[in-house]
Amino acid sequence: MLIATEETGELPDGYEANKQCFQCHGQRFYSFDNANTGLTERKAMNPNFVYNADVYYQGVHRNFACTDCHSPDYETWPHSAELRLEPMYSCLDCHGGDPTYEKFHFELMDEEFQKSVHFEKIGEAFTCWKCHDPHSYRRMTTGEFKISEIVSYHNNTCMGCHSNSDHFQLFSDDLKPGLEKIHHFLPNFKLHFSAVRCIECHTSSADTLWVNHNIMPKENSVRNCVECHSSSTILMASLYKYQNIEARKERGFLNSVILNEAYVIGANRNEYLNLISVILFGLTLAGIIIHTIFRLMK
């Protein structure tokens, strides 16, 4: 994966400053000279603090130096144990009230997040970073990405806890049942999880936001098949809305986005084809009835 931008070949702004950090935090094992023993020791890095440099430089924070967000005291090694207790910035600490990011509606996003079942049950201990790792987060909500890429990326975010018992138990003493067991009502569990995002059924609608952050309790999640499998599918206002505007310009009808990459039973409809099929069915039925009548009259 290339770290330099394809357009200019330039490295990210913080690339040189971050080299020292990634020498340890970019690998599973690191070596250091122990001043007390005079020996060179090799240790295993805490897996929670291992970050892939290539992934980081593909993320939205690629131009940041580590010390833009973390204390400059981290430049001294070994790190002081007290540094682990430093508070993490929230999204609004940087993006709130900034006209540059106004189009993303971070303030509204935070309001919706505070209504979510995650925040209600866990409180302020559940922050943005529990779902969006600042060392790898990418904005996968634009038309440049395939629907399958968006689905995979977003669902992996959810399954980071909901299909990982170790991560889940950071917030709960309960053992989480397998996702397939919880979603037993879906006719084809694996197909659904590869074609649509969890948030399609588990969030309330919000037209202002690209991705709504109000995760609803499971009792309020969508279970009615017709919500997706119809000509007025809710997917056009959520998963497919990233491509909707351009697709309508190019192909002329709303559900053309679905035709381009997926088939959703009941949603891939064209009103003219529907009308033609009804007429053909009517003519066929009329032909059968007329034929039957003449047979009986003989």
Protein backbone atom coordinates (compact mmCIF):
# COMPACT_ATOMS: atom_id res chain seq x y z
CA MET A 1 0.00 0.00 0.00
CA LEU A 2 1.44 3.38 -0.99
CA ILE A 3 1.89 5.98 1.73
CA ALA A 4 2.67 8.89 -0.60
CA THR A 5 -0.27 10.47 -2.43
CA GLU A 6 -0.74 9.32 -6.01
CA GLU A 7 -1.33 12.88 -7.24
CA THR A 8 1.82 14.56 -5.92
CA GLY A 9 3.98 11.77 -4.53
CA GLU A 10 4.25 13.73 -1.30
CA LEU A 11 4.50 11.99 2.06
CA PRO A 12 2.02 12.83 4.84
CA ASP A 13 2.91 15.86 6.97
CA GLY A 14 3.67 13.85 10.09
CA TYR A 15 5.52 11.01 8.37
CA GLU A 16 9.03 11.84 9.57
CA ALA A 17 7.90 12.73 13.10
CA ASN A 18 6.03 9.42 13.40
CA LYS A 19 8.89 7.16 12.35
CA GLN A 20 10.13 6.73 15.91
CA CYS A 21 6.65 5.80 17.17
CA PHE A 22 6.08 3.18 14.48
CA GLN A 23 9.47 1.58 15.18
CA CYS A 24 7.80 0.05 18.24
CA HIS A 25 4.06 0.50 17.75
CA GLY A 26 4.17 -0.72 14.17
CA GLN A 27 5.28 -4.24 15.07
CA ARG A 28 4.44 -7.03 17.48
CA PHE A 29 7.92 -7.20 19.04
CA TYR A 30 10.41 -4.49 19.89
CA SER A 31 13.96 -4.33 21.27
CA PHE A 32 15.56 -1.86 23.66
CA ASP A 33 18.73 -1.39 25.68
CA ASN A 34 18.03 -1.91 29.37
CA ALA A 35 20.10 0.73 31.20
CA ASN A 36 19.79 -1.16 34.49
CA THR A 37 21.12 -4.51 33.23
CA GLY A 38 23.19 -3.36 30.29
CA LEU A 39 21.44 -5.95 28.11
CA THR A 40 19.44 -5.60 24.91
CA GLU A 41 15.99 -7.00 25.60
CA ARG A 42 13.20 -8.07 23.23
CA LYS A 43 9.61 -7.67 24.35
CA ALA A 44 6.13 -8.32 22.98
CA MET A 45 4.14 -5.16 22.29
CA ASN A 46 0.68 -4.98 23.86
CA PRO A 47 -1.53 -5.98 20.88
CA ASN A 48 -3.92 -3.13 21.73
CA PHE A 49 -1.11 -0.69 20.95
CA VAL A 50 0.09 -2.15 17.65
CA TYR A 51 -0.82 0.01 14.64
CA ASN A 52 -0.24 -0.65 10.97
CA ALA A 53 1.55 2.35 9.45
CA ASP A 54 0.12 1.72 5.97
CA VAL A 55 -3.42 1.63 7.35
CA TYR A 56 -2.82 4.77 9.41
CA TYR A 57 -1.59 6.71 6.37
CA GLN A 58 -4.69 5.71 4.42
CA GLY A 59 -6.96 7.10 7.14
CA VAL A 60 -8.48 10.53 7.62
CA HIS A 61 -5.81 11.53 10.17
CA ARG A 62 -2.90 10.60 7.89
CA ASN A 63 -1.29 14.06 8.09
CA PHE A 64 -1.16 14.15 11.87
CA ALA A 65 1.93 13.57 13.95
CA CYS A 66 1.29 11.24 16.89
CA THR A 67 2.04 14.08 19.31
CA ASP A 68 -0.66 16.25 17.75
CA CYS A 69 -3.11 14.13 19.74
CA HIS A 70 -0.85 12.49 22.33
CA SER A 71 1.33 14.21 24.92
CA PRO A 72 4.81 15.32 23.72
CA ASP A 73 6.07 13.37 26.75
CA TYR A 74 5.64 10.23 24.63
CA GLU A 75 8.75 11.30 22.74
CA THR A 76 10.71 10.17 25.80
CA TRP A 77 11.21 6.42 26.10
CA PRO A 78 10.45 4.44 28.24
CA HIS A 79 7.10 6.16 28.52
CA SER A 80 5.86 7.25 31.91
CA ALA A 81 3.11 4.94 33.19
CA GLU A 82 1.00 8.00 34.06
CA LEU A 83 0.67 8.86 30.37
CA ARG A 84 -1.74 5.95 29.94
CA LEU A 85 -4.25 7.91 32.02
CA GLU A 86 -4.26 10.99 29.80
CA PRO A 87 -7.77 11.72 28.46
CA MET A 88 -8.49 11.08 24.79
CA TYR A 89 -9.74 13.89 22.59
CA SER A 90 -13.29 13.56 21.32
CA CYS A 91 -14.34 14.31 17.73
CA LEU A 92 -15.91 17.60 18.82
CA ASP A 93 -12.70 18.75 20.51
CA CYS A 94 -11.26 19.22 17.01
CA HIS A 95 -14.24 19.27 14.66
CA GLY A 96 -16.91 21.03 16.72
CA GLY A 97 -17.76 24.58 15.65
CA ASP A 98 -15.25 24.49 12.78
CA PRO A 99 -16.76 25.80 9.49
CA THR A 100 -14.35 23.53 7.57
CA TYR A 101 -16.22 20.46 8.84
CA GLU A 102 -19.70 21.97 9.02
CA LYS A 103 -20.98 19.78 6.17
CA PHE A 104 -20.38 16.67 8.28
CA HIS A 105 -22.70 17.88 11.08
CA PHE A 106 -20.52 16.63 13.94
CA GLU A 107 -22.68 18.38 16.54
CA LEU A 108 -25.85 16.65 15.26
CA MET A 109 -23.95 13.39 15.07
CA ASP A 110 -23.06 13.75 18.75
CA GLU A 111 -26.69 14.53 19.66
CA GLU A 112 -27.87 11.40 17.86
CA PHE A 113 -25.11 9.32 19.42
CA GLN A 114 -26.21 10.37 22.92
CA LYS A 115 -29.68 8.97 22.17
CA SER A 116 -28.22 5.61 21.15
CA VAL A 117 -28.50 2.40 23.13
CA HIS A 118 -24.71 2.33 23.48
CA PHE A 119 -24.57 5.68 25.24
CA GLU A 120 -27.69 5.03 27.33
CA LYS A 121 -26.32 1.75 28.70
CA ILE A 122 -22.63 2.60 29.06
CA GLY A 123 -22.58 6.39 29.34
CA GLU A 124 -19.57 8.58 28.70
CA ALA A 125 -17.22 5.60 28.84
CA PHE A 126 -18.51 4.77 25.36
CA THR A 127 -16.82 7.33 23.12
CA CYS A 128 -16.42 7.81 19.37
CA TRP A 129 -13.19 5.80 19.54
CA LYS A 130 -14.94 2.64 20.68
CA CYS A 131 -16.21 2.24 17.11
CA HIS A 132 -13.92 4.52 15.10
CA ASP A 133 -10.24 3.93 15.75
CA PRO A 134 -8.50 7.28 15.06
CA HIS A 135 -5.42 5.34 13.87
CA SER A 136 -7.27 3.66 11.01
CA TYR A 137 -10.63 5.37 10.42
CA ARG A 138 -11.55 6.00 6.78
CA ARG A 139 -14.60 7.91 5.55
CA MET A 140 -16.25 5.13 3.57
CA THR A 141 -19.40 7.06 2.70
CA THR A 142 -18.76 8.49 -0.75
CA GLY A 143 -19.54 7.39 -4.27
CA GLU A 144 -15.90 6.53 -4.99
CA PHE A 145 -16.32 3.27 -3.05
CA LYS A 146 -18.24 0.21 -4.15
CA ILE A 147 -21.30 -0.71 -2.13
CA SER A 148 -19.64 -4.00 -1.17
CA GLU A 149 -16.62 -2.10 0.20
CA ILE A 150 -18.82 0.22 2.26
CA VAL A 151 -20.82 -2.71 3.65
CA SER A 152 -17.73 -4.71 4.57
CA TYR A 153 -15.98 -1.78 6.26
CA HIS A 154 -18.98 -0.66 8.31
CA ASN A 155 -20.03 -4.16 9.35
CA ASN A 156 -16.51 -5.00 10.47
CA THR A 157 -16.75 -2.00 12.78
CA CYS A 158 -19.86 -3.44 14.44
CA MET A 159 -18.53 -6.98 14.54
CA GLY A 160 -15.34 -5.79 16.20
CA CYS A 161 -17.35 -6.07 19.44
CA HIS A 162 -20.51 -7.96 18.55
CA SER A 163 -18.68 -11.00 17.23
CA ASN A 164 -15.67 -10.72 19.54
CA SER A 165 -16.42 -11.83 23.09
CA ASP A 166 -13.22 -10.30 24.49
CA HIS A 167 -14.03 -6.86 23.13
CA PHE A 168 -17.69 -7.18 24.09
CA GLN A 169 -16.81 -7.96 27.69
CA LEU A 170 -14.94 -4.69 28.01
CA PHE A 171 -18.45 -3.25 28.40
CA SER A 172 -20.50 -6.11 29.78
CA ASP A 173 -20.24 -9.17 32.00
CA ASP A 174 -22.69 -10.99 29.73
CA LEU A 175 -21.59 -13.49 27.10
CA LYS A 176 -22.91 -12.36 23.75
CA PRO A 177 -24.65 -15.10 21.67
CA GLY A 178 -23.40 -15.60 18.12
CA LEU A 179 -24.72 -13.13 15.54
CA GLU A 180 -26.23 -15.90 13.43
CA LYS A 181 -28.26 -17.10 16.42
CA ILE A 182 -29.47 -13.58 17.21
CA HIS A 183 -30.49 -13.04 13.58
CA HIS A 184 -32.16 -16.43 13.19
CA PHE A 185 -35.20 -14.75 11.57
CA LEU A 186 -33.18 -13.78 8.49
CA PRO A 187 -33.67 -16.29 5.64
CA ASN A 188 -30.00 -16.09 4.64
CA PHE A 189 -27.84 -14.61 7.40
CA LYS A 190 -24.51 -14.57 5.53
CA LEU A 191 -25.97 -13.06 2.37
CA HIS A 192 -27.62 -10.24 4.31
CA PHE A 193 -24.42 -9.42 6.19
CA SER A 194 -22.46 -9.25 2.94
CA ALA A 195 -25.05 -7.08 1.15
CA VAL A 196 -26.31 -4.57 3.74
CA ARG A 197 -24.92 -2.84 6.80
CA CYS A 198 -26.02 -3.53 10.35
CA ILE A 199 -27.01 0.14 10.71
CA GLU A 200 -29.61 -0.19 7.93
CA CYS A 201 -31.86 -2.00 10.40
CA HIS A 202 -30.46 -0.80 13.71
CA THR A 203 -30.57 3.00 13.38
CA SER A 204 -33.34 5.55 13.07
CA SER A 205 -33.45 7.58 9.87
CA ALA A 206 -31.76 11.01 9.68
CA ASP A 207 -31.62 12.67 6.27
CA THR A 208 -29.08 15.28 7.38
CA LEU A 209 -26.42 12.69 8.25
CA TRP A 210 -24.62 10.35 5.87
CA VAL A 211 -24.59 7.78 8.67
CA ASN A 212 -26.99 8.09 11.58
CA HIS A 213 -25.48 7.42 15.00
CA ASN A 214 -28.64 6.74 16.97
CA ILE A 215 -28.36 2.97 17.41
CA MET A 216 -31.78 1.73 18.51
CA PRO A 217 -32.53 -1.04 21.03
CA LYS A 218 -32.93 -4.43 19.35
CA GLU A 219 -36.68 -4.33 20.01
CA ASN A 220 -36.96 -1.33 17.67
CA SER A 221 -34.83 -2.70 14.85
CA VAL A 222 -36.31 -3.32 11.40
CA ARG A 223 -37.68 -6.84 10.98
CA ASN A 224 -40.26 -6.26 8.29
CA CYS A 225 -38.84 -7.61 5.00
CA VAL A 226 -40.90 -5.13 2.97
CA GLU A 227 -38.94 -2.22 4.46
CA CYS A 228 -36.05 -3.21 2.18
CA HIS A 229 -37.68 -5.49 -0.38
CA SER A 230 -40.00 -3.01 -2.07
CA SER A 231 -39.82 -0.30 -4.72
CA SER A 232 -39.61 2.29 -1.92
CA THR A 233 -36.80 0.44 -0.15
CA ILE A 234 -35.24 2.18 2.84
CA LEU A 235 -31.84 1.32 1.35
CA MET A 236 -32.22 4.20 -1.10
CA ALA A 237 -32.20 6.63 1.83
CA SER A 238 -29.29 4.97 3.60
CA LEU A 239 -26.84 2.57 1.98
CA TYR A 240 -27.42 3.66 -1.63
CA LYS A 241 -27.84 7.38 -1.10
CA TYR A 242 -24.13 8.03 -1.66
CA GLN A 243 -24.53 7.16 -5.33
CA ASN A 244 -28.13 8.29 -5.82
CA ILE A 245 -27.61 11.81 -7.15
CA GLU A 246 -25.17 10.88 -9.90
CA ALA A 247 -27.05 7.72 -10.79
CA ARG A 248 -30.29 9.59 -11.33
CA LYS A 249 -28.52 12.01 -13.64
CA GLU A 250 -26.93 9.23 -15.68
CA ARG A 251 -29.62 6.55 -15.77
CA GLY A 252 -32.81 8.41 -15.07
CA PHE A 253 -34.51 6.30 -12.43
CA LEU A 254 -33.85 5.99 -8.73
CA ASN A 255 -33.17 2.30 -8.33
CA SER A 256 -30.51 2.27 -11.05
CA VAL A 257 -27.90 2.26 -8.30
CA ILE A 258 -29.10 -1.14 -7.16
CA LEU A 259 -29.06 -2.46 -10.71
CA ASN A 260 -25.46 -1.36 -11.01
CA GLU A 261 -24.13 -3.54 -8.22
CA ALA A 262 -26.73 -5.67 -6.48
CA TYR A 263 -30.10 -7.31 -6.80
CA VAL A 264 -32.58 -6.67 -4.01
CA ILE A 265 -35.75 -8.68 -4.43
CA GLY A 266 -38.72 -6.33 -4.71
CA ALA A 267 -36.57 -3.20 -5.03
CA ASN A 268 -35.26 -3.48 -8.60
CA ARG A 269 -38.42 -2.26 -10.23
CA ASN A 270 -39.22 -0.02 -13.18
CA GLU A 271 -42.80 1.20 -13.34
CA TYR A 272 -42.96 0.85 -17.14
CA LEU A 273 -41.77 -2.76 -17.04
CA ASN A 274 -44.30 -3.42 -14.27
CA LEU A 275 -47.09 -1.99 -16.44
CA ILE A 276 -46.03 -4.01 -19.49
CA SER A 277 -45.91 -7.21 -17.44
CA VAL A 278 -49.41 -6.56 -16.06
CA ILE A 279 -50.76 -5.95 -19.58
CA LEU A 280 -49.13 -9.11 -20.92
CA PHE A 281 -50.51 -11.11 -18.00
CA GLY A 282 -53.97 -9.64 -18.60
CA LEU A 283 -53.87 -10.47 -22.32
CA THR A 284 -52.70 -14.01 -21.57
CA LEU A 285 -55.47 -14.52 -19.04
CA ALA A 286 -58.07 -13.07 -21.45
CA GLY A 287 -56.83 -15.43 -24.19
CA ILE A 288 -57.21 -18.44 -21.90
CA ILE A 289 -60.74 -17.38 -20.87
CA ILE A 290 -61.85 -16.76 -24.51
CA HIS A 291 -60.35 -20.09 -25.60
CA THR A 292 -62.16 -21.87 -22.76
CA ILE A 293 -65.49 -20.24 -23.68
CA PHE A 294 -65.23 -21.32 -27.34
CA ARG A 295 -64.31 -24.88 -26.26
CA LEU A 296 -67.42 -25.04 -24.06
CA MET A 297 -69.64 -23.67 -26.82
CA LYS A 298 -68.74 -26.52 -29.21
